[in-house]
Amino acid sequence: MAEDKRKSQEKITEYDALYQQFYGEENSGQLVDQAAAEILKKQSEALREQAELLDLAEDMIMVLDMRHRILFWNQGAEEKYGWSREEVLGKNIHSLLKTRFPKSLEEIEEHLVIRGRWEGELAQTQRDGSPVLVESRWALRRNDQEKPLAILEINNDITQRKYAEALLQRTLEELEARVQERTADLKKVNAELEIKTRNLEELNTALTVLLKKREDDKNELEEKVLSNVKSMVLPYVDKLKMTALDATQANYMSIMESHLNEVISSFLMKLTSTSLNLTPREIQVASLIKDGKTTKEIAELMNVCSGAVALHRNHIRKKLGLNKKKTNLRTHLLSLP
């Protein structure tokens, strides 16, 4: 109990001294009457109550003279910075805390005198050497003649918040870098795929052209062989069959005719595979028509009269569905797949 009473008395003495530092210069050398003394006493008590309330705040609250010497140092400042009130009174706060300002102290003081307030972030150092970043708010106290008397400084520790913000910013930057890197990789892969795709398309086009040329050459060769066999070989085979042949010769003739028919079977299969029901003779006529032979030429090659060829032509047109159309028979035969 005695110790608590002593500490309480020390606080009262300290707050009284603080009050005198605020107002003592203005009252020095002047006699005050009892009424004035009573007013000063009430103001002193009010100041002590306000100072006790400041001790309850978690923020660091300091009162400085115009040379930034410490006049008041609350409990929050003691806990955060590590110095007791007794150790710091009268010392320059910025020398003590090694304060680093966002701009020169002269500029801040000029702003404070003109505006009456200043806010900003300060980097300071605790007693154990640990850095601390604070959000600082300064308010200027003036006398009745508007002369600056003291500065109320309230600091809020934002070290953890700034650390979290920096960590978040660094994380966002790393993510952005990864996204950009991934985007660049994807663009590179897409570019490579586009090149490969173009190459494949060009290769496919070239192959298509080559295959078409090969197919055209094959068809052309087939047509040429078919035409030559039909125009240069088969007519004479038919004429030989009309002559007197012994059994051996007739057998050879049959074998030769069979082989020749196999050679020219490609086009003949096209005619027979479309369910046209063409007779062998009609197929032979259709094949010669396709080769551009006239009715007279066909009659001579087949050793028949022109009327017989005309009759076969009519039957072919009817079976191809052309009997009532003006479509040229040879053109139609050439168009067959």
Protein backbone atom coordinates (compact mmCIF):
# COMPACT_ATOMS: atom_id res chain seq x y z
CA MET A 1 0.00 0.00 0.00
CA ALA A 2 2.81 2.42 0.88
CA GLU A 3 4.52 1.68 -2.46
CA ASP A 4 1.29 2.35 -4.44
CA LYS A 5 0.79 5.57 -2.55
CA ARG A 6 4.35 6.63 -3.31
CA LYS A 7 3.94 5.92 -7.04
CA SER A 8 0.64 7.78 -7.08
CA GLN A 9 2.27 10.79 -5.47
CA GLU A 10 5.11 10.67 -8.00
CA LYS A 11 2.58 10.74 -10.83
CA ILE A 12 0.80 13.72 -9.32
CA THR A 13 4.11 15.57 -8.94
CA GLU A 14 5.03 14.68 -12.54
CA TYR A 15 1.71 15.89 -13.94
CA ASP A 16 2.03 19.09 -11.91
CA ALA A 17 5.46 19.64 -13.40
CA LEU A 18 4.03 18.93 -16.87
CA TYR A 19 1.35 21.52 -16.26
CA GLN A 20 3.96 24.08 -15.24
CA GLN A 21 5.91 23.35 -18.43
CA PHE A 22 2.78 24.07 -20.45
CA TYR A 23 1.75 27.20 -18.59
CA GLY A 24 4.61 28.19 -16.28
CA GLU A 25 6.40 30.51 -18.73
CA GLU A 26 3.29 32.58 -19.19
CA ASN A 27 2.73 33.02 -15.38
CA SER A 28 6.34 33.45 -14.21
CA GLY A 29 6.98 36.65 -12.23
CA GLN A 30 3.27 37.32 -11.77
CA LEU A 31 1.42 37.36 -8.42
CA VAL A 32 -1.80 35.40 -8.35
CA ASP A 33 -4.62 35.83 -5.91
CA GLN A 34 -6.55 33.11 -4.17
CA ALA A 35 -9.14 32.85 -6.98
CA ALA A 36 -6.41 32.44 -9.60
CA ALA A 37 -4.71 29.80 -7.47
CA GLU A 38 -7.97 27.93 -7.23
CA ILE A 39 -8.37 28.00 -11.03
CA LEU A 40 -4.83 26.73 -11.53
CA LYS A 41 -5.47 23.93 -9.06
CA LYS A 42 -8.58 22.80 -10.93
CA GLN A 43 -6.75 22.94 -14.27
CA SER A 44 -3.93 20.91 -12.75
CA GLU A 45 -6.36 18.24 -11.55
CA ALA A 46 -8.06 18.13 -14.95
CA LEU A 47 -4.67 17.74 -16.62
CA ARG A 48 -3.76 14.90 -14.29
CA GLU A 49 -7.03 13.11 -15.12
CA GLN A 50 -6.39 13.52 -18.83
CA ALA A 51 -2.85 12.22 -18.45
CA GLU A 52 -4.11 9.17 -16.56
CA LEU A 53 -6.53 8.47 -19.40
CA LEU A 54 -3.64 8.72 -21.88
CA ASP A 55 -1.87 5.99 -19.90
CA LEU A 56 -4.77 3.64 -20.61
CA ALA A 57 -4.33 3.95 -24.37
CA GLU A 58 -2.42 1.25 -26.28
CA ASP A 59 -1.00 3.81 -28.70
CA MET A 60 2.29 5.52 -27.93
CA ILE A 61 1.38 9.05 -26.82
CA MET A 62 4.02 11.69 -26.21
CA VAL A 63 4.01 15.42 -25.51
CA LEU A 64 7.05 17.29 -26.83
CA ASP A 65 8.27 20.86 -26.56
CA MET A 66 9.06 22.78 -29.72
CA ARG A 67 12.57 21.34 -29.69
CA HIS A 68 11.11 17.82 -29.65
CA ARG A 69 12.19 17.16 -26.08
CA ILE A 70 9.95 14.74 -24.22
CA LEU A 71 7.58 16.29 -21.68
CA PHE A 72 5.18 13.37 -21.38
CA TRP A 73 5.60 9.64 -22.18
CA ASN A 74 2.62 7.35 -21.66
CA GLN A 75 2.61 3.72 -20.59
CA GLY A 76 2.01 2.56 -24.18
CA ALA A 77 5.28 4.27 -25.19
CA GLU A 78 7.08 2.62 -22.27
CA GLU A 79 5.89 -0.84 -23.31
CA LYS A 80 6.57 -0.39 -27.01
CA TYR A 81 9.89 1.44 -27.01
CA GLY A 82 11.36 -0.08 -23.82
CA TRP A 83 12.31 3.10 -21.90
CA SER A 84 10.57 4.20 -18.71
CA ARG A 85 9.09 7.63 -18.31
CA GLU A 86 11.85 8.71 -15.93
CA GLU A 87 14.57 7.73 -18.41
CA VAL A 88 13.26 9.75 -21.36
CA LEU A 89 11.93 13.01 -19.89
CA GLY A 90 13.81 15.98 -21.34
CA LYS A 91 15.50 13.93 -24.09
CA ASN A 92 15.10 14.58 -27.82
CA ILE A 93 12.67 11.92 -29.02
CA HIS A 94 14.10 11.60 -32.51
CA SER A 95 17.66 11.16 -31.30
CA LEU A 96 16.43 8.59 -28.78
CA LEU A 97 14.40 6.58 -31.28
CA LYS A 98 16.71 7.22 -34.27
CA THR A 99 13.70 8.41 -36.23
CA ARG A 100 13.82 8.28 -40.01
CA PHE A 101 11.41 10.67 -41.69
CA PRO A 102 9.67 10.44 -45.09
CA LYS A 103 11.02 13.96 -45.77
CA SER A 104 13.15 16.47 -43.90
CA LEU A 105 12.16 17.40 -40.34
CA GLU A 106 12.23 21.09 -41.33
CA GLU A 107 9.56 20.49 -43.97
CA ILE A 108 7.41 18.56 -41.48
CA GLU A 109 7.75 21.34 -38.85
CA GLU A 110 6.81 23.99 -41.44
CA HIS A 111 3.72 21.97 -42.39
CA LEU A 112 2.81 21.53 -38.70
CA VAL A 113 3.05 25.26 -37.93
CA ILE A 114 0.99 26.21 -40.98
CA ARG A 115 -1.68 23.49 -40.76
CA GLY A 116 -1.59 22.67 -37.06
CA ARG A 117 -1.40 18.92 -37.88
CA TRP A 118 0.82 16.42 -39.67
CA GLU A 119 0.45 12.73 -40.43
CA GLY A 120 2.93 10.25 -41.87
CA GLU A 121 4.89 7.04 -41.40
CA LEU A 122 8.08 7.02 -39.33
CA ALA A 123 10.75 4.36 -39.01
CA GLN A 124 12.06 4.16 -35.44
CA THR A 125 14.20 1.91 -33.27
CA GLN A 126 13.26 0.28 -29.95
CA ARG A 127 15.59 0.03 -26.96
CA ASP A 128 16.64 -3.52 -27.89
CA GLY A 129 17.55 -2.37 -31.41
CA SER A 130 14.44 -3.79 -33.08
CA PRO A 131 13.01 -1.63 -35.85
CA VAL A 132 9.44 -0.43 -35.61
CA LEU A 133 7.32 1.32 -38.21
CA VAL A 134 4.66 3.68 -36.85
CA GLU A 135 1.81 5.69 -38.24
CA SER A 136 2.42 9.05 -36.57
CA ARG A 137 -0.06 11.90 -36.00
CA TRP A 138 1.15 15.27 -34.68
CA ALA A 139 -1.02 18.07 -33.30
CA LEU A 140 0.29 21.52 -32.40
CA ARG A 141 -0.64 23.19 -29.09
CA ARG A 142 -0.71 27.03 -29.08
CA ASN A 143 -1.21 29.64 -26.32
CA ASP A 144 -3.72 32.49 -26.36
CA GLN A 145 -1.33 34.54 -28.47
CA GLU A 146 -1.14 31.66 -31.02
CA LYS A 147 2.44 31.00 -30.07
CA PRO A 148 3.37 27.28 -30.51
CA LEU A 149 3.90 25.68 -27.11
CA ALA A 150 4.02 21.91 -27.53
CA ILE A 151 3.45 18.98 -29.86
CA LEU A 152 1.13 16.06 -29.13
CA GLU A 153 2.49 13.01 -30.95
CA ILE A 154 0.43 9.81 -31.19
CA ASN A 155 2.10 6.78 -32.77
CA ASN A 156 0.45 3.50 -33.82
CA ASP A 157 2.63 0.45 -34.48
CA ILE A 158 2.01 -0.73 -38.07
CA THR A 159 5.08 -2.95 -38.36
CA GLN A 160 3.12 -6.19 -38.66
CA ARG A 161 0.62 -4.66 -41.04
CA LYS A 162 3.39 -3.33 -43.26
CA TYR A 163 5.16 -6.68 -43.11
CA ALA A 164 1.92 -8.44 -44.13
CA GLU A 165 1.38 -5.91 -46.93
CA ALA A 166 4.95 -6.36 -48.16
CA LEU A 167 4.57 -10.15 -47.99
CA LEU A 168 1.29 -9.96 -49.89
CA GLN A 169 2.82 -7.65 -52.49
CA ARG A 170 5.82 -9.94 -52.88
CA THR A 171 3.51 -12.94 -53.23
CA LEU A 172 1.43 -11.12 -55.84
CA GLU A 173 4.57 -10.15 -57.74
CA GLU A 174 5.82 -13.75 -57.64
CA LEU A 175 2.43 -14.99 -58.86
CA GLU A 176 2.41 -12.37 -61.59
CA ALA A 177 5.93 -13.41 -62.60
CA ARG A 178 4.84 -17.05 -62.70
CA VAL A 179 1.76 -16.17 -64.73
CA GLN A 180 3.87 -14.17 -67.18
CA GLU A 181 6.42 -16.98 -67.37
CA ARG A 182 3.67 -19.55 -67.91
CA THR A 183 2.03 -17.29 -70.49
CA ALA A 184 5.35 -16.93 -72.30
CA ASP A 185 5.81 -20.72 -72.25
CA LEU A 186 2.29 -21.24 -73.59
CA LYS A 187 2.87 -18.67 -76.33
CA LYS A 188 6.10 -20.43 -77.25
CA VAL A 189 4.36 -23.81 -77.32
CA ASN A 190 1.47 -22.37 -79.35
CA ALA A 191 3.93 -20.83 -81.82
CA GLU A 192 5.70 -24.18 -82.17
CA LEU A 193 2.38 -25.96 -82.62
CA GLU A 194 1.33 -23.44 -85.25
CA ILE A 195 4.57 -24.03 -87.15
CA LYS A 196 4.13 -27.79 -86.90
CA THR A 197 0.49 -27.47 -87.94
CA ARG A 198 1.44 -25.39 -90.97
CA ASN A 199 4.15 -27.89 -91.87
CA LEU A 200 1.68 -30.77 -91.55
CA GLU A 201 -0.88 -28.87 -93.63
CA GLU A 202 1.72 -28.20 -96.31
CA LEU A 203 2.82 -31.83 -96.19
CA ASN A 204 -0.78 -32.99 -96.36
CA THR A 205 -1.41 -30.72 -99.33
CA ALA A 206 1.68 -32.04 -101.08
CA LEU A 207 0.67 -35.63 -100.37
CA THR A 208 -2.85 -34.95 -101.62
CA VAL A 209 -1.47 -33.52 -104.84
CA LEU A 210 0.91 -36.44 -105.27
CA LEU A 211 -1.83 -38.98 -104.56
CA LYS A 212 -4.17 -37.28 -107.01
CA LYS A 213 -1.43 -37.19 -109.63
CA ARG A 214 -0.71 -40.84 -108.97
CA GLU A 215 -4.40 -41.69 -109.28
CA ASP A 216 -4.71 -39.61 -112.46
CA ASP A 217 -1.64 -41.29 -113.93
CA LYS A 218 -3.01 -44.69 -112.98
CA ASN A 219 -6.39 -43.94 -114.55
CA GLU A 220 -4.74 -42.53 -117.64
CA LEU A 221 -2.59 -45.63 -117.99
CA GLU A 222 -5.58 -47.90 -117.47
CA GLU A 223 -7.58 -45.99 -120.07
CA LYS A 224 -4.71 -46.12 -122.52
CA VAL A 225 -4.17 -49.85 -122.03
CA LEU A 226 -7.91 -50.51 -122.21
CA SER A 227 -8.29 -48.43 -125.35
CA ASN A 228 -5.32 -50.04 -127.08
CA VAL A 229 -6.44 -53.56 -126.22
CA LYS A 230 -9.98 -52.93 -127.39
CA SER A 231 -9.05 -51.14 -130.59
CA MET A 232 -5.88 -52.95 -131.56
CA VAL A 233 -6.27 -56.47 -130.17
CA LEU A 234 -9.84 -57.54 -129.49
CA PRO A 235 -11.18 -56.91 -133.03
CA TYR A 236 -8.58 -59.24 -134.44
CA VAL A 237 -9.30 -61.80 -131.74
CA ASP A 238 -12.94 -61.75 -132.85
CA LYS A 239 -11.89 -62.14 -136.50
CA LEU A 240 -9.57 -65.03 -135.66
CA LYS A 241 -12.41 -66.75 -133.83
CA MET A 242 -14.43 -66.63 -137.07
CA THR A 243 -11.73 -68.60 -138.95
CA ALA A 244 -11.24 -72.35 -138.96
CA LEU A 245 -9.18 -73.25 -135.90
CA ASP A 246 -8.17 -76.66 -134.71
CA ALA A 247 -8.76 -77.68 -131.09
CA THR A 248 -5.35 -76.53 -129.89
CA GLN A 249 -5.62 -73.17 -131.62
CA ALA A 250 -9.15 -72.67 -130.31
CA ASN A 251 -7.91 -73.44 -126.79
CA TYR A 252 -5.06 -70.93 -127.09
CA MET A 253 -7.49 -68.40 -128.45
CA SER A 254 -9.81 -68.91 -125.50
CA ILE A 255 -6.94 -68.50 -123.03
CA MET A 256 -5.70 -65.34 -124.77
CA GLU A 257 -9.20 -63.85 -124.81
CA SER A 258 -9.64 -64.63 -121.12
CA HIS A 259 -6.36 -62.92 -120.23
CA LEU A 260 -7.17 -59.90 -122.33
CA ASN A 261 -10.55 -59.59 -120.64
CA GLU A 262 -8.78 -59.62 -117.27
CA VAL A 263 -6.56 -56.75 -118.44
CA ILE A 264 -9.54 -54.61 -119.49
CA SER A 265 -11.78 -55.73 -116.62
CA SER A 266 -11.32 -52.46 -114.67
CA PHE A 267 -13.67 -50.41 -116.83
CA LEU A 268 -15.89 -53.35 -117.54
CA MET A 269 -16.38 -53.87 -113.80
CA LYS A 270 -17.53 -50.28 -113.52
CA LEU A 271 -20.20 -50.97 -116.06
CA THR A 272 -21.31 -54.26 -114.52
CA SER A 273 -21.13 -53.15 -110.88
CA THR A 274 -23.82 -50.47 -111.24
CA SER A 275 -26.65 -53.02 -111.66
CA LEU A 276 -27.14 -51.96 -115.29
CA ASN A 277 -27.59 -55.53 -116.49
CA LEU A 278 -25.57 -54.82 -119.66
CA THR A 279 -24.92 -57.86 -121.82
CA PRO A 280 -21.32 -58.73 -122.70
CA ARG A 281 -21.94 -57.40 -126.23
CA GLU A 282 -23.40 -54.14 -124.87
CA ILE A 283 -20.43 -53.77 -122.54
CA GLN A 284 -18.09 -54.17 -125.50
CA VAL A 285 -20.02 -51.55 -127.48
CA ALA A 286 -20.10 -49.17 -124.50
CA SER A 287 -16.36 -49.56 -124.08
CA LEU A 288 -15.70 -48.68 -127.74
CA ILE A 289 -18.10 -45.71 -127.54
CA LYS A 290 -16.22 -44.47 -124.52
CA ASP A 291 -13.00 -44.66 -126.55
CA GLY A 292 -14.54 -42.34 -129.13
CA LYS A 293 -15.31 -44.89 -131.85
CA THR A 294 -18.12 -44.15 -134.29
CA THR A 295 -20.95 -46.58 -135.05
CA LYS A 296 -19.34 -47.48 -138.35
CA GLU A 297 -15.93 -48.09 -136.74
CA ILE A 298 -17.51 -50.21 -134.03
CA ALA A 299 -19.39 -52.27 -136.65
CA GLU A 300 -16.17 -52.95 -138.52
CA LEU A 301 -14.27 -53.88 -135.37
CA MET A 302 -17.06 -56.19 -134.18
CA ASN A 303 -17.73 -57.55 -137.68
CA VAL A 304 -21.44 -56.65 -137.48
CA CYS A 305 -23.67 -54.25 -139.35
CA SER A 306 -24.16 -50.63 -138.28
CA GLY A 307 -27.83 -51.32 -137.45
CA ALA A 308 -26.78 -53.88 -134.84
CA VAL A 309 -24.45 -51.33 -133.24
CA ALA A 310 -27.26 -48.70 -133.26
CA LEU A 311 -29.56 -51.22 -131.58
CA HIS A 312 -26.94 -51.88 -128.87
CA ARG A 313 -26.51 -48.12 -128.38
CA ASN A 314 -30.26 -47.70 -127.81
CA HIS A 315 -30.31 -50.55 -125.29
CA ILE A 316 -27.34 -49.02 -123.43
CA ARG A 317 -29.00 -45.56 -123.30
CA LYS A 318 -32.21 -47.11 -122.00
CA LYS A 319 -30.42 -49.07 -119.26
CA LEU A 320 -28.45 -45.96 -118.30
CA GLY A 321 -31.68 -43.93 -118.11
CA LEU A 322 -30.75 -41.70 -121.08
CA ASN A 323 -33.37 -42.75 -123.60
CA LYS A 324 -35.47 -39.61 -123.11
CA LYS A 325 -32.55 -37.23 -122.51
CA LYS A 326 -30.29 -35.29 -124.81
CA THR A 327 -27.19 -36.31 -122.89
CA ASN A 328 -24.32 -37.53 -125.06
CA LEU A 329 -23.72 -41.24 -124.43
CA ARG A 330 -19.92 -41.03 -124.60
CA THR A 331 -19.86 -38.04 -122.20
CA HIS A 332 -21.99 -39.98 -119.75
CA LEU A 333 -19.78 -43.06 -119.99
CA LEU A 334 -16.69 -40.92 -119.35
CA SER A 335 -18.33 -39.50 -116.22
CA LEU A 336 -18.93 -42.90 -114.67
CA PRO A 337 -16.85 -43.35 -111.46
